[in-house]
């Protein structure tokens, strides 16, 4: 029983530490950056319906389709703190050699 409680506490602490808890519920709105992925199936068109409001000190990371378990899953956009001296390049799908490649978003120096 102690192992189970310890594991649950670990998961909860991990979610809080990574900022994935909102009002006590797990959220997938700010997933870790996805490494470069190559697939044969083209991603569907974006489905973002969020109206982006300028928030001082934050930038908007656009929603995107991710390849998970052999299918595309939509990940909603989210706000992230700005980083002084850096600009964010949004992630994107590119076509290379007849395959679809995800290029993860990244921060780069201005």
C-alpha atoms as a PDB file:
ATOM      1  CA  UNK A   1       0.000   0.000   0.000  1.00  0.00           C
ATOM      2  CA  UNK A   2       2.821   2.405   0.819  1.00  0.00           C
ATOM      3  CA  UNK A   3       4.321   1.941  -2.669  1.00  0.00           C
ATOM      4  CA  UNK A   4       1.002   2.848  -4.275  1.00  0.00           C
ATOM      5  CA  UNK A   5       0.640   6.038  -2.202  1.00  0.00           C
ATOM      6  CA  UNK A   6       4.253   6.994  -2.899  1.00  0.00           C
ATOM      7  CA  UNK A   7       3.728   6.484  -6.635  1.00  0.00           C
ATOM      8  CA  UNK A   8       0.561   8.590  -6.609  1.00  0.00           C
ATOM      9  CA  UNK A   9       2.348  11.359  -4.733  1.00  0.00           C
ATOM     10  CA  UNK A  10       5.219  11.170  -7.239  1.00  0.00           C
ATOM     11  CA  UNK A  11       2.851  11.496 -10.208  1.00  0.00           C
ATOM     12  CA  UNK A  12       1.017  14.405  -8.591  1.00  0.00           C
ATOM     13  CA  UNK A  13       4.288  16.185  -7.730  1.00  0.00           C
ATOM     14  CA  UNK A  14       5.560  15.622 -11.275  1.00  0.00           C
ATOM     15  CA  UNK A  15       2.412  17.111 -12.799  1.00  0.00           C
ATOM     16  CA  UNK A  16       2.570  20.140 -10.516  1.00  0.00           C
ATOM     17  CA  UNK A  17       6.299  20.616 -11.152  1.00  0.00           C
ATOM     18  CA  UNK A  18       5.808  20.559 -14.919  1.00  0.00           C
ATOM     19  CA  UNK A  19       2.832  22.915 -14.791  1.00  0.00           C
ATOM     20  CA  UNK A  20       0.378  20.312 -16.063  1.00  0.00           C
ATOM     21  CA  UNK A  21      -2.159  20.665 -13.267  1.00  0.00           C
ATOM     22  CA  UNK A  22      -5.023  23.076 -13.626  1.00  0.00           C
ATOM     23  CA  UNK A  23      -7.636  23.223 -10.876  1.00  0.00           C
ATOM     24  CA  UNK A  24      -6.621  19.752  -9.683  1.00  0.00           C
ATOM     25  CA  UNK A  25      -6.967  18.106 -13.084  1.00  0.00           C
ATOM     26  CA  UNK A  26      -4.227  16.872 -15.383  1.00  0.00           C
ATOM     27  CA  UNK A  27      -3.890  18.826 -18.607  1.00  0.00           C
ATOM     28  CA  UNK A  28      -2.158  18.209 -21.939  1.00  0.00           C
ATOM     29  CA  UNK A  29      -2.135  21.830 -22.994  1.00  0.00           C
ATOM     30  CA  UNK A  30       1.595  22.349 -22.503  1.00  0.00           C
ATOM     31  CA  UNK A  31       3.257  19.137 -23.645  1.00  0.00           C
ATOM     32  CA  UNK A  32       6.997  18.708 -23.763  1.00  0.00           C
ATOM     33  CA  UNK A  33       8.533  19.528 -27.135  1.00  0.00           C
ATOM     34  CA  UNK A  34       8.243  16.644 -29.536  1.00  0.00           C
ATOM     35  CA  UNK A  35      11.425  15.406 -31.216  1.00  0.00           C
ATOM     36  CA  UNK A  36      11.589  15.369 -35.012  1.00  0.00           C
ATOM     37  CA  UNK A  37       9.069  12.819 -36.321  1.00  0.00           C
ATOM     38  CA  UNK A  38       8.701  11.438 -39.862  1.00  0.00           C
ATOM     39  CA  UNK A  39       5.459   9.854 -41.094  1.00  0.00           C
ATOM     40  CA  UNK A  40       3.931   8.899 -44.438  1.00  0.00           C
ATOM     41  CA  UNK A  41       0.480  10.341 -43.671  1.00  0.00           C
ATOM     42  CA  UNK A  42      -0.097  14.082 -44.143  1.00  0.00           C
ATOM     43  CA  UNK A  43      -1.351  15.938 -41.050  1.00  0.00           C
ATOM     44  CA  UNK A  44      -4.946  17.178 -41.127  1.00  0.00           C
ATOM     45  CA  UNK A  45      -5.533  20.926 -41.326  1.00  0.00           C
ATOM     46  CA  UNK A  46      -5.214  22.838 -38.029  1.00  0.00           C
ATOM     47  CA  UNK A  47      -8.348  22.925 -35.876  1.00  0.00           C
ATOM     48  CA  UNK A  48      -7.408  25.770 -33.541  1.00  0.00           C
ATOM     49  CA  UNK A  49     -10.484  27.700 -32.505  1.00  0.00           C
ATOM     50  CA  UNK A  50      -8.921  29.740 -29.703  1.00  0.00           C
ATOM     51  CA  UNK A  51      -8.931  33.510 -30.026  1.00  0.00           C
ATOM     52  CA  UNK A  52      -5.410  34.554 -29.076  1.00  0.00           C
ATOM     53  CA  UNK A  53      -5.347  37.539 -26.737  1.00  0.00           C
ATOM     54  CA  UNK A  54      -2.091  39.451 -26.326  1.00  0.00           C
ATOM     55  CA  UNK A  55      -0.823  38.922 -22.788  1.00  0.00           C
ATOM     56  CA  UNK A  56       2.125  41.030 -21.643  1.00  0.00           C
ATOM     57  CA  UNK A  57       5.083  38.784 -20.837  1.00  0.00           C
ATOM     58  CA  UNK A  58       3.691  35.776 -22.724  1.00  0.00           C
ATOM     59  CA  UNK A  59       3.758  34.344 -26.242  1.00  0.00           C
ATOM     60  CA  UNK A  60       1.248  31.999 -27.857  1.00  0.00           C
ATOM     61  CA  UNK A  61       2.443  28.523 -28.880  1.00  0.00           C
ATOM     62  CA  UNK A  62       0.141  27.436 -31.709  1.00  0.00           C
ATOM     63  CA  UNK A  63      -1.873  24.227 -31.547  1.00  0.00           C
ATOM     64  CA  UNK A  64      -0.663  21.355 -33.691  1.00  0.00           C
ATOM     65  CA  UNK A  65      -1.267  17.786 -34.738  1.00  0.00           C
ATOM     66  CA  UNK A  66       1.119  15.299 -33.143  1.00  0.00           C
ATOM     67  CA  UNK A  67       1.739  11.749 -34.359  1.00  0.00           C
ATOM     68  CA  UNK A  68       0.923   9.494 -31.396  1.00  0.00           C
ATOM     69  CA  UNK A  69       0.436   5.728 -31.538  1.00  0.00           C
ATOM     70  CA  UNK A  70      -0.024   5.595 -35.292  1.00  0.00           C
ATOM     71  CA  UNK A  71      -2.496   8.467 -35.594  1.00  0.00           C
ATOM     72  CA  UNK A  72      -2.686  12.246 -35.348  1.00  0.00           C
ATOM     73  CA  UNK A  73      -3.789  13.826 -32.070  1.00  0.00           C
ATOM     74  CA  UNK A  74      -4.603  17.533 -31.781  1.00  0.00           C
ATOM     75  CA  UNK A  75      -2.747  19.423 -29.061  1.00  0.00           C
ATOM     76  CA  UNK A  76      -4.262  22.796 -28.222  1.00  0.00           C
ATOM     77  CA  UNK A  77      -2.215  25.965 -28.218  1.00  0.00           C
ATOM     78  CA  UNK A  78      -1.044  27.525 -24.981  1.00  0.00           C
ATOM     79  CA  UNK A  79       0.701  30.567 -23.539  1.00  0.00           C
ATOM     80  CA  UNK A  80       4.334  30.418 -22.461  1.00  0.00           C
ATOM     81  CA  UNK A  81       6.427  33.014 -20.635  1.00  0.00           C
ATOM     82  CA  UNK A  82       8.564  35.169 -22.911  1.00  0.00           C
ATOM     83  CA  UNK A  83      12.316  34.740 -22.609  1.00  0.00           C
ATOM     84  CA  UNK A  84      14.327  37.949 -22.572  1.00  0.00           C
ATOM     85  CA  UNK A  85      16.671  38.129 -25.571  1.00  0.00           C
ATOM     86  CA  UNK A  86      14.950  35.246 -27.386  1.00  0.00           C
ATOM     87  CA  UNK A  87      12.255  34.852 -30.016  1.00  0.00           C
ATOM     88  CA  UNK A  88      10.104  31.744 -30.452  1.00  0.00           C
ATOM     89  CA  UNK A  89       9.913  29.959 -33.812  1.00  0.00           C
ATOM     90  CA  UNK A  90       6.654  28.023 -34.091  1.00  0.00           C
ATOM     91  CA  UNK A  91       6.848  24.313 -34.876  1.00  0.00           C
ATOM     92  CA  UNK A  92       5.736  23.151 -38.315  1.00  0.00           C
ATOM     93  CA  UNK A  93       5.179  20.163 -40.556  1.00  0.00           C
ATOM     94  CA  UNK A  94       7.425  20.005 -43.640  1.00  0.00           C
ATOM     95  CA  UNK A  95       7.499  17.599 -46.535  1.00  0.00           C
ATOM     96  CA  UNK A  96      10.844  15.885 -47.218  1.00  0.00           C
ATOM     97  CA  UNK A  97      11.523  13.076 -49.644  1.00  0.00           C
ATOM     98  CA  UNK A  98       7.803  12.293 -49.820  1.00  0.00           C
ATOM     99  CA  UNK A  99       7.418  12.086 -46.022  1.00  0.00           C
ATOM    100  CA  UNK A 100       5.923  14.510 -43.527  1.00  0.00           C
ATOM    101  CA  UNK A 101       8.379  15.734 -40.880  1.00  0.00           C
ATOM    102  CA  UNK A 102       7.559  17.601 -37.671  1.00  0.00           C
ATOM    103  CA  UNK A 103      10.061  20.341 -36.858  1.00  0.00           C
ATOM    104  CA  UNK A 104       9.590  21.246 -33.190  1.00  0.00           C
ATOM    105  CA  UNK A 105       9.244  24.895 -32.163  1.00  0.00           C
ATOM    106  CA  UNK A 106      12.264  26.431 -30.478  1.00  0.00           C
ATOM    107  CA  UNK A 107      13.635  29.520 -28.788  1.00  0.00           C
ATOM    108  CA  UNK A 108      16.506  31.278 -30.552  1.00  0.00           C
ATOM    109  CA  UNK A 109      18.560  34.388 -29.763  1.00  0.00           C
ATOM    110  CA  UNK A 110      17.267  37.598 -31.320  1.00  0.00           C
END
